[in-house]
N, C-alpha and C. Protein backbone atom coordinates (compact mmCIF):
# COMPACT_ATOMS: atom_id res chain seq x y z
N UNK A 1 -16.80 -17.82 1.71
CA UNK A 1 -16.88 -17.52 3.12
C UNK A 1 -16.66 -16.02 3.30
N UNK A 2 -17.48 -15.39 4.11
CA UNK A 2 -17.33 -13.94 4.29
C UNK A 2 -16.30 -13.64 5.38
N UNK A 3 -15.93 -12.35 5.45
CA UNK A 3 -14.86 -11.94 6.36
C UNK A 3 -15.17 -12.25 7.82
N UNK A 4 -16.40 -12.02 8.23
CA UNK A 4 -16.77 -12.29 9.63
C UNK A 4 -16.59 -13.75 9.99
N UNK A 5 -16.91 -14.64 9.07
CA UNK A 5 -16.73 -16.07 9.33
C UNK A 5 -15.24 -16.42 9.43
N UNK A 6 -14.43 -15.80 8.59
CA UNK A 6 -12.99 -16.05 8.64
C UNK A 6 -12.42 -15.53 9.96
N UNK A 7 -12.83 -14.34 10.35
CA UNK A 7 -12.36 -13.77 11.62
C UNK A 7 -12.78 -14.66 12.78
N UNK A 8 -13.99 -15.19 12.71
CA UNK A 8 -14.47 -16.09 13.77
C UNK A 8 -13.61 -17.35 13.84
N UNK A 9 -13.17 -17.86 12.68
CA UNK A 9 -12.27 -19.01 12.68
C UNK A 9 -10.95 -18.68 13.37
N UNK A 10 -10.45 -17.46 13.15
CA UNK A 10 -9.23 -17.04 13.85
C UNK A 10 -9.47 -17.00 15.35
N UNK A 11 -10.61 -16.47 15.76
CA UNK A 11 -10.92 -16.40 17.19
C UNK A 11 -11.03 -17.79 17.80
N UNK A 12 -11.47 -18.76 17.01
CA UNK A 12 -11.57 -20.14 17.49
C UNK A 12 -10.21 -20.87 17.39
N UNK A 13 -9.21 -20.18 16.83
CA UNK A 13 -7.87 -20.71 16.62
C UNK A 13 -7.89 -21.94 15.71
N UNK A 14 -8.78 -21.92 14.74
CA UNK A 14 -8.89 -23.00 13.77
C UNK A 14 -7.91 -22.75 12.62
N UNK A 15 -7.16 -23.78 12.25
CA UNK A 15 -6.23 -23.66 11.13
C UNK A 15 -6.95 -23.44 9.81
N UNK A 16 -8.24 -23.72 9.77
CA UNK A 16 -9.04 -23.46 8.58
C UNK A 16 -9.10 -21.97 8.27
N UNK A 17 -8.81 -21.15 9.26
CA UNK A 17 -8.83 -19.69 9.06
C UNK A 17 -7.80 -19.30 8.01
N UNK A 18 -6.61 -19.85 8.08
CA UNK A 18 -5.55 -19.53 7.12
C UNK A 18 -5.94 -20.02 5.74
N UNK A 19 -6.49 -21.21 5.67
CA UNK A 19 -6.92 -21.77 4.39
C UNK A 19 -8.00 -20.89 3.76
N UNK A 20 -8.98 -20.48 4.55
CA UNK A 20 -10.05 -19.62 4.05
C UNK A 20 -9.51 -18.25 3.64
N UNK A 21 -8.61 -17.72 4.44
CA UNK A 21 -8.00 -16.42 4.13
C UNK A 21 -7.24 -16.49 2.81
N UNK A 22 -6.47 -17.55 2.63
CA UNK A 22 -5.70 -17.71 1.40
C UNK A 22 -6.63 -17.91 0.20
N UNK A 23 -7.69 -18.66 0.38
CA UNK A 23 -8.62 -18.89 -0.73
C UNK A 23 -9.28 -17.58 -1.16
N UNK A 24 -9.60 -16.73 -0.21
CA UNK A 24 -10.31 -15.49 -0.54
C UNK A 24 -9.37 -14.37 -0.98
N UNK A 25 -8.22 -14.22 -0.33
CA UNK A 25 -7.36 -13.07 -0.58
C UNK A 25 -5.94 -13.42 -1.05
N UNK A 26 -5.67 -14.69 -1.27
CA UNK A 26 -4.33 -15.11 -1.65
C UNK A 26 -3.81 -14.46 -2.92
N UNK A 27 -4.62 -14.43 -3.96
CA UNK A 27 -4.17 -13.82 -5.23
C UNK A 27 -3.91 -12.34 -5.06
N UNK A 28 -4.78 -11.65 -4.34
CA UNK A 28 -4.59 -10.22 -4.09
C UNK A 28 -3.28 -9.97 -3.34
N UNK A 29 -3.04 -10.74 -2.30
CA UNK A 29 -1.82 -10.58 -1.49
C UNK A 29 -0.56 -10.86 -2.30
N UNK A 30 -0.60 -11.94 -3.08
CA UNK A 30 0.58 -12.29 -3.88
C UNK A 30 0.85 -11.22 -4.93
N UNK A 31 -0.20 -10.71 -5.57
CA UNK A 31 -0.02 -9.66 -6.58
C UNK A 31 0.56 -8.40 -5.96
N UNK A 32 0.03 -8.00 -4.80
CA UNK A 32 0.53 -6.81 -4.11
C UNK A 32 1.99 -6.98 -3.73
N UNK A 33 2.31 -8.10 -3.13
CA UNK A 33 3.67 -8.34 -2.68
C UNK A 33 4.64 -8.43 -3.86
N UNK A 34 4.24 -9.12 -4.91
CA UNK A 34 5.11 -9.24 -6.08
C UNK A 34 5.37 -7.88 -6.72
N UNK A 35 4.36 -7.05 -6.74
CA UNK A 35 4.51 -5.71 -7.33
C UNK A 35 5.58 -4.91 -6.58
N UNK A 36 5.68 -5.12 -5.28
CA UNK A 36 6.64 -4.37 -4.47
C UNK A 36 8.01 -5.02 -4.41
N UNK A 37 8.06 -6.35 -4.39
CA UNK A 37 9.34 -7.05 -4.25
C UNK A 37 9.96 -7.42 -5.59
N UNK A 38 9.12 -7.57 -6.61
CA UNK A 38 9.56 -7.96 -7.95
C UNK A 38 10.27 -9.30 -7.94
N UNK A 39 9.85 -10.18 -7.02
CA UNK A 39 10.47 -11.49 -6.91
C UNK A 39 9.41 -12.44 -6.35
N UNK A 40 9.15 -13.52 -7.09
CA UNK A 40 8.09 -14.45 -6.71
C UNK A 40 8.36 -15.11 -5.36
N UNK A 41 9.58 -15.52 -5.13
CA UNK A 41 9.92 -16.18 -3.87
C UNK A 41 9.79 -15.22 -2.68
N UNK A 42 10.24 -13.99 -2.85
CA UNK A 42 10.10 -12.99 -1.79
C UNK A 42 8.63 -12.68 -1.54
N UNK A 43 7.85 -12.61 -2.60
CA UNK A 43 6.42 -12.34 -2.45
C UNK A 43 5.75 -13.46 -1.67
N UNK A 44 6.10 -14.69 -1.98
CA UNK A 44 5.53 -15.85 -1.28
C UNK A 44 5.90 -15.79 0.21
N UNK A 45 7.14 -15.45 0.48
CA UNK A 45 7.60 -15.35 1.87
C UNK A 45 6.85 -14.25 2.62
N UNK A 46 6.67 -13.11 1.98
CA UNK A 46 5.96 -12.00 2.62
C UNK A 46 4.50 -12.36 2.91
N UNK A 47 3.86 -13.02 1.96
CA UNK A 47 2.46 -13.41 2.17
C UNK A 47 2.36 -14.42 3.31
N UNK A 48 3.26 -15.40 3.33
CA UNK A 48 3.23 -16.37 4.43
C UNK A 48 3.50 -15.71 5.77
N UNK A 49 4.43 -14.76 5.79
CA UNK A 49 4.70 -14.01 7.03
C UNK A 49 3.48 -13.19 7.44
N UNK A 50 2.76 -12.67 6.45
CA UNK A 50 1.54 -11.90 6.74
C UNK A 50 0.48 -12.81 7.36
N UNK A 51 0.36 -14.02 6.83
CA UNK A 51 -0.60 -14.97 7.41
C UNK A 51 -0.23 -15.29 8.86
N UNK A 52 1.05 -15.46 9.12
CA UNK A 52 1.48 -15.70 10.49
C UNK A 52 1.19 -14.47 11.35
N UNK A 53 1.44 -13.30 10.81
CA UNK A 53 1.17 -12.06 11.54
C UNK A 53 -0.29 -11.90 11.88
N UNK A 54 -1.14 -12.23 10.95
CA UNK A 54 -2.58 -12.10 11.20
C UNK A 54 -3.04 -13.17 12.19
N UNK A 55 -2.42 -14.34 12.13
CA UNK A 55 -2.73 -15.41 13.09
C UNK A 55 -2.40 -14.95 14.51
N UNK A 56 -1.27 -14.25 14.65
CA UNK A 56 -0.85 -13.77 15.96
C UNK A 56 -1.65 -12.54 16.42
N UNK A 57 -2.21 -11.79 15.48
CA UNK A 57 -2.92 -10.56 15.82
C UNK A 57 -4.40 -10.78 16.15
N UNK A 58 -4.99 -11.82 15.57
CA UNK A 58 -6.41 -12.10 15.81
C UNK A 58 -6.51 -13.40 16.58
N UNK A 59 -7.06 -13.48 17.75
CA UNK A 59 -7.36 -12.36 18.64
C UNK A 59 -6.09 -11.75 19.20
N UNK A 60 -6.12 -10.61 19.81
CA UNK A 60 -7.24 -9.84 20.32
C UNK A 60 -7.87 -8.89 19.29
N UNK A 61 -7.15 -8.61 18.18
CA UNK A 61 -7.71 -7.67 17.19
C UNK A 61 -8.95 -8.27 16.53
N UNK A 62 -9.86 -7.40 16.16
CA UNK A 62 -11.02 -7.78 15.37
C UNK A 62 -11.19 -6.69 14.31
N UNK A 63 -10.47 -6.86 13.18
CA UNK A 63 -10.47 -5.80 12.16
C UNK A 63 -11.85 -5.59 11.54
N UNK A 64 -12.12 -4.32 11.21
CA UNK A 64 -13.39 -4.00 10.54
C UNK A 64 -13.35 -4.46 9.09
N UNK A 65 -12.19 -4.33 8.47
CA UNK A 65 -12.02 -4.76 7.09
C UNK A 65 -10.85 -5.74 7.04
N UNK A 66 -11.17 -7.00 6.89
CA UNK A 66 -10.14 -8.03 6.88
C UNK A 66 -9.19 -7.83 5.71
N UNK A 67 -9.73 -7.50 4.54
CA UNK A 67 -8.87 -7.33 3.36
C UNK A 67 -7.90 -6.17 3.55
N UNK A 68 -8.38 -5.04 4.07
CA UNK A 68 -7.51 -3.89 4.29
C UNK A 68 -6.46 -4.21 5.35
N UNK A 69 -6.85 -4.89 6.40
CA UNK A 69 -5.94 -5.28 7.48
C UNK A 69 -4.83 -6.18 6.93
N UNK A 70 -5.24 -7.17 6.15
CA UNK A 70 -4.29 -8.11 5.57
C UNK A 70 -3.38 -7.42 4.56
N UNK A 71 -3.95 -6.59 3.69
CA UNK A 71 -3.15 -5.90 2.67
C UNK A 71 -2.13 -4.96 3.31
N UNK A 72 -2.50 -4.32 4.40
CA UNK A 72 -1.55 -3.44 5.08
C UNK A 72 -0.36 -4.25 5.61
N UNK A 73 -0.64 -5.41 6.18
CA UNK A 73 0.44 -6.26 6.68
C UNK A 73 1.33 -6.72 5.52
N UNK A 74 0.72 -7.18 4.44
CA UNK A 74 1.48 -7.64 3.27
C UNK A 74 2.30 -6.48 2.71
N UNK A 75 1.69 -5.32 2.60
CA UNK A 75 2.37 -4.14 2.06
C UNK A 75 3.59 -3.79 2.90
N UNK A 76 3.42 -3.73 4.20
CA UNK A 76 4.54 -3.37 5.08
C UNK A 76 5.66 -4.41 5.03
N UNK A 77 5.31 -5.69 5.05
CA UNK A 77 6.32 -6.73 4.98
C UNK A 77 7.05 -6.70 3.64
N UNK A 78 6.32 -6.46 2.58
CA UNK A 78 6.92 -6.40 1.24
C UNK A 78 7.85 -5.20 1.11
N UNK A 79 7.45 -4.07 1.67
CA UNK A 79 8.34 -2.90 1.65
C UNK A 79 9.62 -3.17 2.42
N UNK A 80 9.50 -3.81 3.58
CA UNK A 80 10.69 -4.14 4.36
C UNK A 80 11.61 -5.08 3.56
N UNK A 81 11.01 -6.06 2.92
CA UNK A 81 11.79 -7.01 2.12
C UNK A 81 12.46 -6.27 0.96
N UNK A 82 11.71 -5.40 0.31
CA UNK A 82 12.25 -4.62 -0.81
C UNK A 82 13.41 -3.74 -0.34
N UNK A 83 13.24 -3.05 0.76
CA UNK A 83 14.30 -2.18 1.28
C UNK A 83 15.54 -2.99 1.63
N UNK A 84 15.32 -4.15 2.22
CA UNK A 84 16.45 -5.00 2.58
C UNK A 84 17.20 -5.48 1.34
N UNK A 85 16.47 -5.89 0.33
CA UNK A 85 17.07 -6.44 -0.88
C UNK A 85 17.75 -5.38 -1.74
N UNK A 86 17.17 -4.17 -1.77
CA UNK A 86 17.69 -3.17 -2.69
C UNK A 86 18.53 -2.10 -1.99
N UNK A 87 18.93 -2.37 -0.78
CA UNK A 87 19.63 -1.43 0.09
C UNK A 87 20.15 -0.18 -0.61
N UNK A 88 21.12 -0.26 -1.48
CA UNK A 88 21.68 0.95 -2.07
C UNK A 88 21.52 0.99 -3.58
N UNK A 89 20.62 0.19 -4.11
CA UNK A 89 20.47 0.22 -5.56
C UNK A 89 19.04 0.54 -5.95
N UNK A 90 18.91 1.14 -7.08
CA UNK A 90 17.60 1.53 -7.59
C UNK A 90 17.21 0.48 -8.63
N UNK A 91 16.32 -0.45 -8.24
CA UNK A 91 16.08 -1.57 -9.14
C UNK A 91 14.62 -1.83 -9.45
N UNK A 92 13.73 -0.95 -9.10
CA UNK A 92 12.35 -1.28 -9.38
C UNK A 92 11.53 -0.04 -9.70
N UNK A 93 10.39 -0.31 -10.26
CA UNK A 93 9.42 0.74 -10.56
C UNK A 93 8.97 1.43 -9.29
N UNK A 94 8.91 0.68 -8.19
CA UNK A 94 8.44 1.25 -6.93
C UNK A 94 9.43 2.30 -6.41
N UNK A 95 10.73 2.07 -6.61
CA UNK A 95 11.72 3.07 -6.21
C UNK A 95 11.48 4.38 -6.95
N UNK A 96 11.21 4.28 -8.24
CA UNK A 96 10.97 5.46 -9.05
C UNK A 96 9.73 6.19 -8.54
N UNK A 97 8.67 5.44 -8.24
CA UNK A 97 7.43 6.05 -7.74
C UNK A 97 7.67 6.77 -6.42
N UNK A 98 8.43 6.15 -5.53
CA UNK A 98 8.71 6.78 -4.23
C UNK A 98 9.56 8.03 -4.39
N UNK A 99 10.48 8.02 -5.35
CA UNK A 99 11.30 9.20 -5.58
C UNK A 99 10.46 10.37 -6.07
N UNK A 100 9.41 10.07 -6.84
CA UNK A 100 8.52 11.13 -7.30
C UNK A 100 7.86 11.84 -6.12
N UNK A 101 7.48 11.07 -5.10
CA UNK A 101 6.83 11.66 -3.93
C UNK A 101 7.83 12.27 -2.95
N UNK A 102 9.08 11.85 -3.01
CA UNK A 102 10.08 12.31 -2.05
C UNK A 102 10.26 13.82 -2.08
N UNK A 103 10.04 14.43 -3.25
CA UNK A 103 10.19 15.88 -3.36
C UNK A 103 9.09 16.61 -2.59
N UNK A 104 7.98 15.96 -2.37
CA UNK A 104 6.81 16.60 -1.77
C UNK A 104 6.71 16.31 -0.29
N UNK A 105 6.84 15.05 0.08
CA UNK A 105 6.64 14.64 1.46
C UNK A 105 7.88 14.95 2.30
N UNK A 106 7.67 15.30 3.55
CA UNK A 106 8.82 15.54 4.42
C UNK A 106 9.60 14.26 4.63
N UNK A 107 10.87 14.37 4.97
CA UNK A 107 11.67 13.19 5.25
C UNK A 107 11.14 12.53 6.51
N UNK A 108 11.52 11.26 6.70
CA UNK A 108 11.03 10.53 7.87
C UNK A 108 11.51 11.20 9.16
N UNK A 109 12.71 11.78 9.15
CA UNK A 109 13.20 12.46 10.35
C UNK A 109 12.32 13.66 10.68
N UNK A 110 11.94 14.43 9.64
CA UNK A 110 11.08 15.58 9.86
C UNK A 110 9.71 15.16 10.38
N UNK A 111 9.19 14.07 9.81
CA UNK A 111 7.87 13.61 10.23
C UNK A 111 7.89 13.27 11.70
N UNK A 112 8.92 12.53 12.13
CA UNK A 112 8.96 12.09 13.52
C UNK A 112 9.28 13.23 14.48
N UNK A 113 10.10 14.15 14.05
CA UNK A 113 10.48 15.21 14.98
C UNK A 113 9.49 16.37 14.99
N UNK A 114 8.86 16.68 13.90
CA UNK A 114 7.99 17.86 13.82
C UNK A 114 6.50 17.54 13.75
N UNK A 115 6.17 16.31 13.43
CA UNK A 115 4.77 16.00 13.16
C UNK A 115 4.50 14.54 13.43
N UNK A 116 3.41 14.25 14.12
CA UNK A 116 3.05 12.85 14.36
C UNK A 116 2.70 12.20 13.02
N UNK A 117 3.08 10.95 12.87
CA UNK A 117 2.81 10.24 11.62
C UNK A 117 1.32 10.19 11.33
N UNK A 118 0.52 10.15 12.35
CA UNK A 118 -0.93 10.11 12.16
C UNK A 118 -1.44 11.36 11.48
N UNK A 119 -0.85 12.50 11.77
CA UNK A 119 -1.28 13.75 11.16
C UNK A 119 -1.04 13.72 9.66
N UNK A 120 0.12 13.23 9.27
CA UNK A 120 0.42 13.11 7.85
C UNK A 120 -0.51 12.12 7.18
N UNK A 121 -0.76 11.00 7.84
CA UNK A 121 -1.67 10.00 7.30
C UNK A 121 -3.06 10.58 7.10
N UNK A 122 -3.54 11.29 8.10
CA UNK A 122 -4.87 11.92 8.00
C UNK A 122 -4.90 12.94 6.87
N UNK A 123 -3.84 13.71 6.73
CA UNK A 123 -3.80 14.70 5.66
C UNK A 123 -3.84 14.02 4.29
N UNK A 124 -3.10 12.92 4.15
CA UNK A 124 -3.13 12.18 2.89
C UNK A 124 -4.51 11.60 2.61
N UNK A 125 -5.15 11.07 3.66
CA UNK A 125 -6.50 10.53 3.49
C UNK A 125 -7.48 11.62 3.08
N UNK A 126 -7.37 12.78 3.72
CA UNK A 126 -8.26 13.89 3.35
C UNK A 126 -7.97 14.37 1.93
N UNK A 127 -6.71 14.42 1.55
CA UNK A 127 -6.36 14.80 0.18
C UNK A 127 -6.98 13.82 -0.81
N UNK A 128 -6.85 12.52 -0.53
CA UNK A 128 -7.42 11.52 -1.44
C UNK A 128 -8.94 11.66 -1.54
N UNK A 129 -9.58 12.07 -0.44
CA UNK A 129 -11.03 12.28 -0.46
C UNK A 129 -11.44 13.42 -1.38
N UNK A 130 -10.53 14.35 -1.64
CA UNK A 130 -10.86 15.49 -2.51
C UNK A 130 -10.76 15.14 -3.99
N UNK A 131 -10.16 13.99 -4.30
CA UNK A 131 -9.93 13.61 -5.69
C UNK A 131 -11.12 12.87 -6.28
N UNK A 132 -11.22 12.93 -7.60
CA UNK A 132 -12.22 12.11 -8.28
C UNK A 132 -11.82 10.65 -8.11
N UNK A 133 -12.75 9.76 -8.32
CA UNK A 133 -12.45 8.33 -8.15
C UNK A 133 -11.33 7.90 -9.08
N UNK A 134 -11.36 8.35 -10.31
CA UNK A 134 -10.33 7.95 -11.27
C UNK A 134 -8.95 8.47 -10.86
N UNK A 135 -8.87 9.72 -10.43
CA UNK A 135 -7.58 10.26 -9.98
C UNK A 135 -7.10 9.56 -8.71
N UNK A 136 -8.01 9.21 -7.83
CA UNK A 136 -7.66 8.49 -6.61
C UNK A 136 -7.09 7.12 -6.97
N UNK A 137 -7.71 6.43 -7.92
CA UNK A 137 -7.22 5.12 -8.35
C UNK A 137 -5.82 5.27 -8.95
N UNK A 138 -5.62 6.26 -9.79
CA UNK A 138 -4.32 6.49 -10.41
C UNK A 138 -3.26 6.75 -9.34
N UNK A 139 -3.57 7.61 -8.39
CA UNK A 139 -2.63 7.97 -7.32
C UNK A 139 -2.29 6.75 -6.46
N UNK A 140 -3.31 6.03 -6.03
CA UNK A 140 -3.09 4.87 -5.15
C UNK A 140 -2.37 3.76 -5.90
N UNK A 141 -2.73 3.51 -7.15
CA UNK A 141 -2.06 2.45 -7.91
C UNK A 141 -0.58 2.77 -8.07
N UNK A 142 -0.25 4.05 -8.23
CA UNK A 142 1.15 4.43 -8.42
C UNK A 142 1.92 4.41 -7.10
N UNK A 143 1.36 5.04 -6.06
CA UNK A 143 2.15 5.26 -4.86
C UNK A 143 1.88 4.27 -3.73
N UNK A 144 0.86 3.46 -3.83
CA UNK A 144 0.65 2.39 -2.83
C UNK A 144 1.09 1.07 -3.42
N UNK A 145 0.62 0.77 -4.65
CA UNK A 145 0.94 -0.51 -5.27
C UNK A 145 2.23 -0.45 -6.09
N UNK A 146 2.67 0.78 -6.45
CA UNK A 146 3.90 0.91 -7.23
C UNK A 146 3.75 0.51 -8.68
N UNK A 147 2.54 0.58 -9.22
CA UNK A 147 2.31 0.22 -10.62
C UNK A 147 3.01 1.18 -11.57
N UNK A 148 3.40 0.67 -12.73
CA UNK A 148 4.02 1.50 -13.76
C UNK A 148 2.94 2.34 -14.44
N UNK A 149 3.39 3.37 -15.15
CA UNK A 149 2.43 4.20 -15.90
C UNK A 149 1.67 3.34 -16.90
N UNK A 150 2.37 2.42 -17.53
CA UNK A 150 1.75 1.54 -18.52
C UNK A 150 0.63 0.69 -17.90
N UNK A 151 0.89 0.12 -16.74
CA UNK A 151 -0.10 -0.71 -16.07
C UNK A 151 -1.32 0.12 -15.68
N UNK A 152 -1.08 1.29 -15.11
CA UNK A 152 -2.18 2.16 -14.70
C UNK A 152 -2.99 2.59 -15.92
N UNK A 153 -2.29 2.95 -16.99
CA UNK A 153 -2.98 3.38 -18.21
C UNK A 153 -3.93 2.29 -18.71
N UNK A 154 -3.47 1.05 -18.65
CA UNK A 154 -4.33 -0.06 -19.06
C UNK A 154 -5.54 -0.24 -18.16
N UNK A 155 -5.36 0.00 -16.87
CA UNK A 155 -6.46 -0.17 -15.92
C UNK A 155 -7.52 0.92 -16.06
N UNK A 156 -7.09 2.15 -16.33
CA UNK A 156 -8.06 3.25 -16.40
C UNK A 156 -8.41 3.64 -17.84
N UNK A 157 -7.86 2.88 -18.79
CA UNK A 157 -8.15 3.09 -20.21
C UNK A 157 -7.79 4.50 -20.67
N UNK A 158 -6.59 4.92 -20.31
CA UNK A 158 -6.03 6.21 -20.71
C UNK A 158 -4.64 5.95 -21.28
N UNK A 159 -4.08 6.94 -21.93
CA UNK A 159 -2.72 6.79 -22.44
C UNK A 159 -1.71 6.95 -21.30
N UNK A 160 -0.51 6.42 -21.52
CA UNK A 160 0.55 6.57 -20.51
C UNK A 160 0.85 8.05 -20.28
N UNK A 161 0.84 8.83 -21.35
CA UNK A 161 1.10 10.26 -21.24
C UNK A 161 0.05 10.93 -20.36
N UNK A 162 -1.22 10.53 -20.54
CA UNK A 162 -2.30 11.09 -19.73
C UNK A 162 -2.08 10.76 -18.25
N UNK A 163 -1.70 9.53 -17.98
CA UNK A 163 -1.45 9.11 -16.60
C UNK A 163 -0.27 9.89 -16.03
N UNK A 164 0.79 10.05 -16.82
CA UNK A 164 1.97 10.79 -16.37
C UNK A 164 1.63 12.24 -16.04
N UNK A 165 0.86 12.88 -16.92
CA UNK A 165 0.48 14.28 -16.70
C UNK A 165 -0.42 14.39 -15.46
N UNK A 166 -1.35 13.47 -15.33
CA UNK A 166 -2.23 13.50 -14.15
C UNK A 166 -1.45 13.35 -12.85
N UNK A 167 -0.50 12.42 -12.85
CA UNK A 167 0.29 12.22 -11.64
C UNK A 167 1.13 13.46 -11.32
N UNK A 168 1.65 14.10 -12.33
CA UNK A 168 2.40 15.35 -12.10
C UNK A 168 1.48 16.39 -11.47
N UNK A 169 0.29 16.53 -12.01
CA UNK A 169 -0.67 17.49 -11.45
C UNK A 169 -1.10 17.11 -10.04
N UNK A 170 -1.30 15.81 -9.82
CA UNK A 170 -1.72 15.35 -8.49
C UNK A 170 -0.62 15.60 -7.45
N UNK A 171 0.64 15.42 -7.84
CA UNK A 171 1.73 15.72 -6.90
C UNK A 171 1.76 17.21 -6.57
N UNK A 172 1.52 18.04 -7.57
CA UNK A 172 1.47 19.49 -7.31
C UNK A 172 0.30 19.83 -6.40
N UNK A 173 -0.85 19.20 -6.65
CA UNK A 173 -2.03 19.43 -5.79
C UNK A 173 -1.74 18.97 -4.37
N UNK A 174 -1.08 17.83 -4.24
CA UNK A 174 -0.74 17.31 -2.91
C UNK A 174 0.19 18.28 -2.20
N UNK A 175 1.18 18.79 -2.90
CA UNK A 175 2.11 19.76 -2.31
C UNK A 175 1.34 20.99 -1.81
N UNK A 176 0.46 21.52 -2.65
CA UNK A 176 -0.34 22.70 -2.27
C UNK A 176 -1.22 22.37 -1.06
N UNK A 177 -1.80 21.19 -1.06
CA UNK A 177 -2.67 20.78 0.05
C UNK A 177 -1.88 20.70 1.35
N UNK A 178 -0.68 20.10 1.29
CA UNK A 178 0.13 19.96 2.49
C UNK A 178 0.62 21.33 2.99
N UNK A 179 0.90 22.25 2.08
CA UNK A 179 1.26 23.61 2.47
C UNK A 179 0.08 24.28 3.14
N UNK A 180 -1.09 24.14 2.54
CA UNK A 180 -2.33 24.75 3.07
C UNK A 180 -2.64 24.21 4.46
N UNK A 181 -2.37 22.93 4.69
CA UNK A 181 -2.64 22.31 5.98
C UNK A 181 -1.53 22.58 7.00
N UNK A 182 -0.47 23.26 6.58
CA UNK A 182 0.62 23.59 7.49
C UNK A 182 1.58 22.44 7.75
N UNK A 183 1.58 21.44 6.90
CA UNK A 183 2.45 20.29 7.09
C UNK A 183 3.79 20.53 6.40
N UNK A 184 3.77 21.27 5.30
CA UNK A 184 5.03 21.65 4.62
C UNK A 184 5.27 23.12 4.85
């Protein structure tokens, strides 16, 4: 079933919409959530909450990309669950990945007080557009999905060292880009 048909089921308030959504994107959502929460039960809870969230959002929303819309909801819920569970402890690969970016990106207080979040988002999107497809995949897999260097290396068929060096260079490029754009 294609995305438009699934969205139409949501608009009709048919419970088959959730079944179709889970059949098409369930594995993707569970993998994304598990990568961020590192707990199968928490991942299941986040995905179910995402399904409820999408049920409540459509209608009135009519997303252009159902998978992106759903993944964003799953990602946000999983991050909230992760933050809640790991409050003051460093217990996952995702924490390490976020710490790598923390040196470059402004703190959340700075973002809200000095710059609209949309501006930062647009700058990141434009930065990603300047990268080769392989570098973009490496960057997104690390900082969106929280994948380890080993996992990314396997996906792009490079060594872990190569992935590590590329990410170091990409963070430096991002820093330069944000300075050039006047964000840092």
